[in-house]
Every structure is written in structure tokens, then in C-alpha cells.
Amino acid sequence: MRTQAELINTFSSTSQLLTVLLAAIAGISLVVGGIGIMNIMYVSVTERTKEIGLRMSIGARGIDILMQFLIEAIVISITGGIIGVLLGIGASQLITVLLSWPTLVSKGSIILSFVVCAVTGVFFGYYPALKASKLDPIEALRYE
């Protein structure tokens, strides 16, 4: 015989384990996505080296170039966040319809996901943006 307290305790420990497992998977996904953003930004900086050199030679400051590429990284990550939120809401609705399980997507979780997306974009986009802002205009214009 098991008591209600034992069942609640077992369920609680199982729930905590699943929460930790889900958080670990989410963390790995964020790092992989961030590395993808960093690679995209490196390719963007490399392909647009002449453009960066031209902008710097006509007066753009390093901070202008830095902000341009940081905003681009944030837009890429927020776009991914929008797609993720839409897929999550759709999956939640699908589970509710097909399995008759009640699901709830809170506004707080959506806001948190966009904040995490923005922070990921800034964190992983900063180094390529900094690299772009430090280019020498003369060398950038000579780049082939």
C-alpha cells in the first residue's frame, strides 16, 4: 500500500527531474542557436567588408558599424523567437485538440522567450560586430 503523501512525493521528484532535463535541453539549444547566429554574422561581415570600408571612409564611426551588426543579430534572433513562439502555441493548441489535454501558454513565458532571444543575439553577435567595427577602412576597401 502506498499513501497519498508517497505518491505526491514521487510525482514531485519526477517533475523536478523533468524540469532540470528540459532546462538542460533548452540551454544546449540556445548555445547551438547562438553559434549559428555568430557564424551568420561572421559571414555577413566577411561578405560586406568593402561596404564597411566604404562607410568608414565617408565618416561612419566604429560604434555605427557595431550598432548596425548588433541590430542585425538581434533581428535574426528575434525572428527565430517569433517562429519558435508560433510553433509552440500551435503545438499547444494541437495537443489540446487531439489529446484533450488542457494547455496554457502564459504571456510571461512569451515575454521571457523574447528577452532570452534578444540577449542571445547581443551575446553571440557582439564579437563579429566588434570585429567589423575595428576594420581598417583602407584595408577593407582593398579586400577581395
N, C-alpha and C. Protein backbone atom coordinates (compact mmCIF):
# COMPACT_ATOMS: atom_id res chain seq x y z
N MET A 1 0.83 -1.18 0.00
CA MET A 1 0.00 0.00 0.00
C MET A 1 0.88 1.25 0.00
N ARG A 2 0.45 2.21 -0.78
CA ARG A 2 1.14 3.49 -0.80
C ARG A 2 0.18 4.57 -0.32
N THR A 3 0.75 5.50 0.38
CA THR A 3 -0.09 6.60 0.87
C THR A 3 -0.08 7.73 -0.15
N GLN A 4 -1.01 8.64 0.03
CA GLN A 4 -1.08 9.80 -0.85
C GLN A 4 0.18 10.65 -0.75
N ALA A 5 0.75 10.73 0.41
CA ALA A 5 1.97 11.52 0.61
C ALA A 5 3.14 10.94 -0.19
N GLU A 6 3.24 9.60 -0.23
CA GLU A 6 4.30 8.97 -1.00
C GLU A 6 4.12 9.23 -2.50
N LEU A 7 2.89 9.15 -2.98
CA LEU A 7 2.61 9.41 -4.38
C LEU A 7 2.92 10.86 -4.75
N ILE A 8 2.54 11.79 -3.90
CA ILE A 8 2.83 13.20 -4.15
C ILE A 8 4.33 13.45 -4.14
N ASN A 9 5.05 12.82 -3.23
CA ASN A 9 6.49 12.97 -3.14
C ASN A 9 7.17 12.40 -4.40
N THR A 10 6.71 11.24 -4.86
CA THR A 10 7.27 10.64 -6.07
C THR A 10 6.99 11.52 -7.29
N PHE A 11 5.76 12.01 -7.39
CA PHE A 11 5.41 12.88 -8.50
C PHE A 11 6.22 14.17 -8.48
N SER A 12 6.44 14.71 -7.31
CA SER A 12 7.20 15.95 -7.17
C SER A 12 8.65 15.76 -7.60
N SER A 13 9.27 14.67 -7.18
CA SER A 13 10.67 14.44 -7.56
C SER A 13 10.79 14.15 -9.05
N THR A 14 9.83 13.45 -9.63
CA THR A 14 9.83 13.20 -11.07
C THR A 14 9.66 14.51 -11.84
N SER A 15 8.77 15.36 -11.37
CA SER A 15 8.53 16.65 -12.01
C SER A 15 9.79 17.52 -11.96
N GLN A 16 10.49 17.53 -10.85
CA GLN A 16 11.72 18.31 -10.73
C GLN A 16 12.80 17.79 -11.68
N LEU A 17 12.90 16.47 -11.82
CA LEU A 17 13.87 15.88 -12.72
C LEU A 17 13.57 16.25 -14.17
N LEU A 18 12.30 16.22 -14.55
CA LEU A 18 11.91 16.59 -15.90
C LEU A 18 12.17 18.08 -16.17
N THR A 19 11.96 18.91 -15.16
CA THR A 19 12.23 20.34 -15.30
C THR A 19 13.71 20.60 -15.54
N VAL A 20 14.57 19.91 -14.79
CA VAL A 20 16.01 20.06 -14.97
C VAL A 20 16.44 19.56 -16.35
N LEU A 21 15.87 18.44 -16.77
CA LEU A 21 16.20 17.89 -18.09
C LEU A 21 15.76 18.84 -19.20
N LEU A 22 14.58 19.40 -19.08
CA LEU A 22 14.08 20.36 -20.07
C LEU A 22 14.94 21.63 -20.10
N ALA A 23 15.35 22.11 -18.94
CA ALA A 23 16.22 23.29 -18.88
C ALA A 23 17.57 23.01 -19.53
N ALA A 24 18.11 21.81 -19.34
CA ALA A 24 19.39 21.46 -19.97
C ALA A 24 19.25 21.41 -21.48
N ILE A 25 18.17 20.84 -21.98
CA ILE A 25 17.94 20.79 -23.42
C ILE A 25 17.77 22.20 -23.98
N ALA A 26 17.04 23.04 -23.27
CA ALA A 26 16.85 24.43 -23.72
C ALA A 26 18.18 25.18 -23.74
N GLY A 27 19.03 24.97 -22.74
CA GLY A 27 20.33 25.61 -22.71
C GLY A 27 21.22 25.19 -23.86
N ILE A 28 21.21 23.90 -24.16
CA ILE A 28 22.00 23.41 -25.29
C ILE A 28 21.47 24.00 -26.59
N SER A 29 20.16 24.08 -26.73
CA SER A 29 19.55 24.66 -27.93
C SER A 29 19.93 26.13 -28.09
N LEU A 30 19.95 26.87 -26.99
CA LEU A 30 20.35 28.28 -27.05
C LEU A 30 21.80 28.45 -27.49
N VAL A 31 22.67 27.60 -26.98
CA VAL A 31 24.08 27.70 -27.35
C VAL A 31 24.25 27.36 -28.83
N VAL A 32 23.58 26.30 -29.30
CA VAL A 32 23.69 25.93 -30.71
C VAL A 32 23.12 27.04 -31.60
N GLY A 33 21.97 27.59 -31.22
CA GLY A 33 21.39 28.70 -31.98
C GLY A 33 22.29 29.92 -31.96
N GLY A 34 22.89 30.20 -30.82
CA GLY A 34 23.81 31.34 -30.71
C GLY A 34 25.04 31.17 -31.58
N ILE A 35 25.56 29.96 -31.64
CA ILE A 35 26.70 29.70 -32.51
C ILE A 35 26.30 29.89 -33.97
N GLY A 36 25.08 29.49 -34.31
CA GLY A 36 24.57 29.72 -35.66
C GLY A 36 24.49 31.20 -35.99
N ILE A 37 23.99 31.99 -35.04
CA ILE A 37 23.92 33.44 -35.24
C ILE A 37 25.32 34.02 -35.41
N MET A 38 26.27 33.56 -34.60
CA MET A 38 27.63 34.07 -34.70
C MET A 38 28.23 33.74 -36.06
N ASN A 39 27.99 32.54 -36.55
CA ASN A 39 28.52 32.16 -37.87
C ASN A 39 27.88 33.00 -38.97
N ILE A 40 26.58 33.22 -38.89
CA ILE A 40 25.89 34.06 -39.88
C ILE A 40 26.49 35.46 -39.87
N MET A 41 26.74 35.99 -38.70
CA MET A 41 27.28 37.34 -38.60
C MET A 41 28.72 37.41 -39.12
N TYR A 42 29.52 36.37 -38.86
CA TYR A 42 30.88 36.34 -39.41
C TYR A 42 30.84 36.35 -40.93
N VAL A 43 29.96 35.54 -41.52
CA VAL A 43 29.83 35.51 -42.98
C VAL A 43 29.37 36.87 -43.49
N SER A 44 28.44 37.49 -42.79
CA SER A 44 27.94 38.80 -43.19
C SER A 44 29.05 39.84 -43.16
N VAL A 45 29.85 39.82 -42.11
CA VAL A 45 30.97 40.78 -42.01
C VAL A 45 31.97 40.53 -43.13
N THR A 46 32.28 39.27 -43.40
CA THR A 46 33.26 38.94 -44.43
C THR A 46 32.76 39.36 -45.81
N GLU A 47 31.48 39.09 -46.10
CA GLU A 47 30.94 39.43 -47.41
C GLU A 47 30.78 40.93 -47.60
N ARG A 48 30.62 41.66 -46.53
CA ARG A 48 30.35 43.10 -46.63
C ARG A 48 31.55 43.95 -46.20
N THR A 49 32.73 43.38 -46.29
CA THR A 49 33.93 44.10 -45.86
C THR A 49 34.13 45.38 -46.66
N LYS A 50 33.92 45.32 -47.97
CA LYS A 50 34.08 46.54 -48.78
C LYS A 50 33.05 47.59 -48.40
N GLU A 51 31.82 47.15 -48.14
CA GLU A 51 30.77 48.09 -47.71
C GLU A 51 31.16 48.76 -46.39
N ILE A 52 31.68 47.98 -45.47
CA ILE A 52 32.10 48.52 -44.17
C ILE A 52 33.22 49.54 -44.38
N GLY A 53 34.20 49.19 -45.23
CA GLY A 53 35.30 50.11 -45.53
C GLY A 53 34.81 51.40 -46.17
N LEU A 54 33.86 51.28 -47.08
CA LEU A 54 33.31 52.46 -47.73
C LEU A 54 32.57 53.34 -46.73
N ARG A 55 31.76 52.73 -45.89
CA ARG A 55 31.03 53.52 -44.88
C ARG A 55 31.99 54.21 -43.93
N MET A 56 33.04 53.51 -43.51
CA MET A 56 34.01 54.12 -42.59
C MET A 56 34.81 55.22 -43.27
N SER A 57 35.10 55.05 -44.56
CA SER A 57 35.90 56.07 -45.25
C SER A 57 35.11 57.36 -45.49
N ILE A 58 33.77 57.28 -45.51
CA ILE A 58 32.99 58.51 -45.69
C ILE A 58 32.45 59.05 -44.36
N GLY A 59 32.93 58.49 -43.24
CA GLY A 59 32.61 59.12 -41.97
C GLY A 59 31.91 58.28 -40.92
N ALA A 60 31.55 57.06 -41.24
CA ALA A 60 30.90 56.23 -40.21
C ALA A 60 31.92 55.89 -39.12
N ARG A 61 31.45 55.99 -37.89
CA ARG A 61 32.33 55.66 -36.77
C ARG A 61 32.24 54.17 -36.46
N GLY A 62 33.16 53.69 -35.67
CA GLY A 62 33.16 52.27 -35.29
C GLY A 62 31.88 51.88 -34.56
N ILE A 63 31.36 52.79 -33.73
CA ILE A 63 30.13 52.50 -32.97
C ILE A 63 28.95 52.35 -33.91
N ASP A 64 28.94 53.10 -35.03
CA ASP A 64 27.86 52.98 -36.01
C ASP A 64 27.86 51.59 -36.65
N ILE A 65 29.04 51.12 -37.01
CA ILE A 65 29.18 49.78 -37.60
C ILE A 65 28.81 48.72 -36.57
N LEU A 66 29.29 48.91 -35.35
CA LEU A 66 28.97 47.97 -34.27
C LEU A 66 27.47 47.87 -34.06
N MET A 67 26.79 49.00 -33.99
CA MET A 67 25.34 49.00 -33.78
C MET A 67 24.60 48.38 -34.95
N GLN A 68 25.07 48.63 -36.16
CA GLN A 68 24.44 48.04 -37.34
C GLN A 68 24.44 46.52 -37.26
N PHE A 69 25.58 45.93 -36.94
CA PHE A 69 25.67 44.48 -36.90
C PHE A 69 25.02 43.90 -35.64
N LEU A 70 25.03 44.63 -34.54
CA LEU A 70 24.32 44.15 -33.34
C LEU A 70 22.82 44.13 -33.58
N ILE A 71 22.30 45.16 -34.20
CA ILE A 71 20.87 45.21 -34.50
C ILE A 71 20.50 44.09 -35.48
N GLU A 72 21.37 43.83 -36.42
CA GLU A 72 21.12 42.74 -37.36
C GLU A 72 21.07 41.39 -36.63
N ALA A 73 21.99 41.17 -35.69
CA ALA A 73 21.99 39.92 -34.92
C ALA A 73 20.74 39.80 -34.06
N ILE A 74 20.30 40.92 -33.47
CA ILE A 74 19.09 40.89 -32.64
C ILE A 74 17.86 40.60 -33.51
N VAL A 75 17.80 41.19 -34.69
CA VAL A 75 16.67 40.94 -35.59
C VAL A 75 16.62 39.46 -36.00
N ILE A 76 17.78 38.88 -36.27
CA ILE A 76 17.83 37.46 -36.63
C ILE A 76 17.33 36.60 -35.47
N SER A 77 17.80 36.90 -34.25
CA SER A 77 17.39 36.08 -33.11
C SER A 77 15.93 36.30 -32.73
N ILE A 78 15.43 37.53 -32.84
CA ILE A 78 14.01 37.79 -32.55
C ILE A 78 13.11 37.11 -33.59
N THR A 79 13.55 37.09 -34.85
CA THR A 79 12.79 36.38 -35.88
C THR A 79 12.69 34.90 -35.54
N GLY A 80 13.79 34.33 -35.11
CA GLY A 80 13.76 32.94 -34.65
C GLY A 80 12.85 32.76 -33.45
N GLY A 81 12.84 33.75 -32.56
CA GLY A 81 11.95 33.69 -31.40
C GLY A 81 10.49 33.73 -31.79
N ILE A 82 10.15 34.57 -32.77
CA ILE A 82 8.76 34.65 -33.25
C ILE A 82 8.34 33.31 -33.84
N ILE A 83 9.20 32.72 -34.66
CA ILE A 83 8.89 31.42 -35.24
C ILE A 83 8.72 30.38 -34.14
N GLY A 84 9.60 30.40 -33.14
CA GLY A 84 9.51 29.44 -32.04
C GLY A 84 8.25 29.60 -31.22
N VAL A 85 7.86 30.84 -30.93
CA VAL A 85 6.64 31.08 -30.16
C VAL A 85 5.42 30.62 -30.95
N LEU A 86 5.39 30.92 -32.25
CA LEU A 86 4.26 30.49 -33.07
C LEU A 86 4.16 28.97 -33.14
N LEU A 87 5.31 28.31 -33.29
CA LEU A 87 5.30 26.84 -33.29
C LEU A 87 4.88 26.28 -31.94
N GLY A 88 5.32 26.91 -30.86
CA GLY A 88 4.94 26.46 -29.52
C GLY A 88 3.46 26.62 -29.26
N ILE A 89 2.89 27.75 -29.65
CA ILE A 89 1.45 27.97 -29.47
C ILE A 89 0.67 26.98 -30.34
N GLY A 90 1.14 26.77 -31.56
CA GLY A 90 0.48 25.81 -32.44
C GLY A 90 0.52 24.40 -31.89
N ALA A 91 1.68 23.99 -31.37
CA ALA A 91 1.80 22.66 -30.78
C ALA A 91 0.90 22.52 -29.54
N SER A 92 0.83 23.59 -28.76
CA SER A 92 -0.03 23.59 -27.58
C SER A 92 -1.50 23.41 -27.97
N GLN A 93 -1.92 24.14 -28.99
CA GLN A 93 -3.30 24.02 -29.46
C GLN A 93 -3.56 22.64 -30.05
N LEU A 94 -2.59 22.09 -30.74
CA LEU A 94 -2.74 20.77 -31.33
C LEU A 94 -2.88 19.70 -30.24
N ILE A 95 -2.11 19.82 -29.19
CA ILE A 95 -2.21 18.88 -28.07
C ILE A 95 -3.58 18.99 -27.41
N THR A 96 -4.07 20.22 -27.27
CA THR A 96 -5.39 20.42 -26.66
C THR A 96 -6.49 19.79 -27.51
N VAL A 97 -6.40 19.96 -28.82
CA VAL A 97 -7.44 19.44 -29.71
C VAL A 97 -7.36 17.93 -29.85
N LEU A 98 -6.15 17.40 -30.10
CA LEU A 98 -6.02 15.98 -30.38
C LEU A 98 -6.07 15.09 -29.14
N LEU A 99 -5.45 15.53 -28.06
CA LEU A 99 -5.36 14.69 -26.87
C LEU A 99 -6.30 15.11 -25.75
N SER A 100 -6.98 16.22 -25.94
CA SER A 100 -7.89 16.78 -24.93
C SER A 100 -7.18 17.06 -23.60
N TRP A 101 -5.92 17.43 -23.69
CA TRP A 101 -5.17 17.85 -22.51
C TRP A 101 -5.26 19.36 -22.43
N PRO A 102 -5.61 19.89 -21.29
CA PRO A 102 -5.66 21.36 -21.19
C PRO A 102 -4.24 21.93 -21.16
N THR A 103 -3.98 22.88 -22.04
CA THR A 103 -2.67 23.55 -22.06
C THR A 103 -2.86 25.04 -21.94
N LEU A 104 -1.85 25.70 -21.44
CA LEU A 104 -1.90 27.14 -21.25
C LEU A 104 -0.55 27.73 -21.61
N VAL A 105 -0.54 28.71 -22.48
CA VAL A 105 0.68 29.44 -22.82
C VAL A 105 0.53 30.81 -22.18
N SER A 106 1.37 31.09 -21.19
CA SER A 106 1.24 32.35 -20.46
C SER A 106 1.97 33.48 -21.19
N LYS A 107 1.51 34.69 -20.96
CA LYS A 107 2.15 35.87 -21.55
C LYS A 107 3.57 36.04 -21.02
N GLY A 108 3.76 35.67 -19.76
CA GLY A 108 5.09 35.78 -19.15
C GLY A 108 6.12 34.91 -19.85
N SER A 109 5.72 33.70 -20.25
CA SER A 109 6.66 32.82 -20.94
C SER A 109 7.00 33.36 -22.33
N ILE A 110 6.03 33.99 -22.98
CA ILE A 110 6.30 34.57 -24.30
C ILE A 110 7.25 35.76 -24.17
N ILE A 111 7.02 36.61 -23.19
CA ILE A 111 7.90 37.76 -22.95
C ILE A 111 9.31 37.29 -22.60
N LEU A 112 9.39 36.27 -21.73
CA LEU A 112 10.69 35.73 -21.34
C LEU A 112 11.43 35.17 -22.56
N SER A 113 10.71 34.51 -23.46
CA SER A 113 11.37 33.95 -24.64
C SER A 113 11.94 35.06 -25.52
N PHE A 114 11.24 36.18 -25.67
CA PHE A 114 11.76 37.28 -26.48
C PHE A 114 12.95 37.96 -25.80
N VAL A 115 12.93 38.07 -24.49
CA VAL A 115 14.08 38.64 -23.77
C VAL A 115 15.30 37.74 -23.95
N VAL A 116 15.10 36.43 -23.82
CA VAL A 116 16.21 35.48 -23.99
C VAL A 116 16.73 35.55 -25.43
N CYS A 117 15.84 35.68 -26.39
CA CYS A 117 16.27 35.80 -27.80
C CYS A 117 17.12 37.06 -28.00
N ALA A 118 16.69 38.17 -27.46
CA ALA A 118 17.44 39.42 -27.61
C ALA A 118 18.81 39.32 -26.94
N VAL A 119 18.85 38.76 -25.75
CA VAL A 119 20.13 38.61 -25.04
C VAL A 119 21.05 37.67 -25.80
N THR A 120 20.49 36.59 -26.35
CA THR A 120 21.30 35.67 -27.15
C THR A 120 21.86 36.36 -28.37
N GLY A 121 21.04 37.18 -29.05
CA GLY A 121 21.51 37.92 -30.22
C GLY A 121 22.63 38.87 -29.88
N VAL A 122 22.49 39.59 -28.77
CA VAL A 122 23.54 40.53 -28.35
C VAL A 122 24.81 39.78 -27.96
N PHE A 123 24.66 38.72 -27.18
CA PHE A 123 25.82 37.98 -26.68
C PHE A 123 26.62 37.35 -27.82
N PHE A 124 25.93 36.68 -28.73
CA PHE A 124 26.63 35.98 -29.79
C PHE A 124 26.92 36.87 -31.00
N GLY A 125 26.28 38.01 -31.10
CA GLY A 125 26.54 38.91 -32.22
C GLY A 125 27.56 39.99 -31.91
N TYR A 126 27.94 40.12 -30.62
CA TYR A 126 28.83 41.20 -30.23
C TYR A 126 30.23 41.06 -30.84
N TYR A 127 30.81 39.88 -30.78
CA TYR A 127 32.19 39.73 -31.26
C TYR A 127 32.30 39.96 -32.77
N PRO A 128 31.42 39.37 -33.61
CA PRO A 128 31.51 39.71 -35.04
C PRO A 128 31.27 41.20 -35.31
N ALA A 129 30.36 41.82 -34.55
CA ALA A 129 30.11 43.26 -34.73
C ALA A 129 31.33 44.07 -34.32
N LEU A 130 31.98 43.66 -33.25
CA LEU A 130 33.19 44.34 -32.80
C LEU A 130 34.30 44.19 -33.84
N LYS A 131 34.41 43.00 -34.41
CA LYS A 131 35.41 42.76 -35.45
C LYS A 131 35.15 43.67 -36.65
N ALA A 132 33.89 43.84 -37.02
CA ALA A 132 33.54 44.72 -38.14
C ALA A 132 33.86 46.16 -37.82
N SER A 133 33.63 46.58 -36.58
CA SER A 133 33.85 47.98 -36.22
C SER A 133 35.33 48.34 -36.12
N LYS A 134 36.19 47.33 -35.98
CA LYS A 134 37.63 47.57 -35.84
C LYS A 134 38.38 47.47 -37.17
N LEU A 135 37.65 47.22 -38.27
CA LEU A 135 38.33 47.11 -39.56
C LEU A 135 38.98 48.44 -39.96
N ASP A 136 40.12 48.32 -40.59
CA ASP A 136 40.81 49.49 -41.14
C ASP A 136 40.14 49.81 -42.47
N PRO A 137 39.65 51.04 -42.66
CA PRO A 137 38.93 51.37 -43.91
C PRO A 137 39.74 51.11 -45.18
N ILE A 138 41.01 51.42 -45.16
CA ILE A 138 41.85 51.26 -46.35
C ILE A 138 42.00 49.77 -46.69
N GLU A 139 42.28 48.96 -45.68
CA GLU A 139 42.41 47.51 -45.90
C GLU A 139 41.07 46.90 -46.32
N ALA A 140 39.98 47.40 -45.75
CA ALA A 140 38.65 46.88 -46.09
C ALA A 140 38.29 47.18 -47.53
N LEU A 141 38.68 48.36 -48.01
CA LEU A 141 38.40 48.71 -49.41
C LEU A 141 39.25 47.88 -50.38
N ARG A 142 40.42 47.44 -49.95
CA ARG A 142 41.28 46.61 -50.80
C ARG A 142 40.85 45.15 -50.78
N TYR A 143 40.01 44.77 -49.85
CA TYR A 143 39.63 43.37 -49.66
C TYR A 143 38.94 42.81 -50.90
N GLU A 144 39.32 41.62 -51.31
CA GLU A 144 38.70 40.96 -52.48
C GLU A 144 37.90 39.79 -52.03
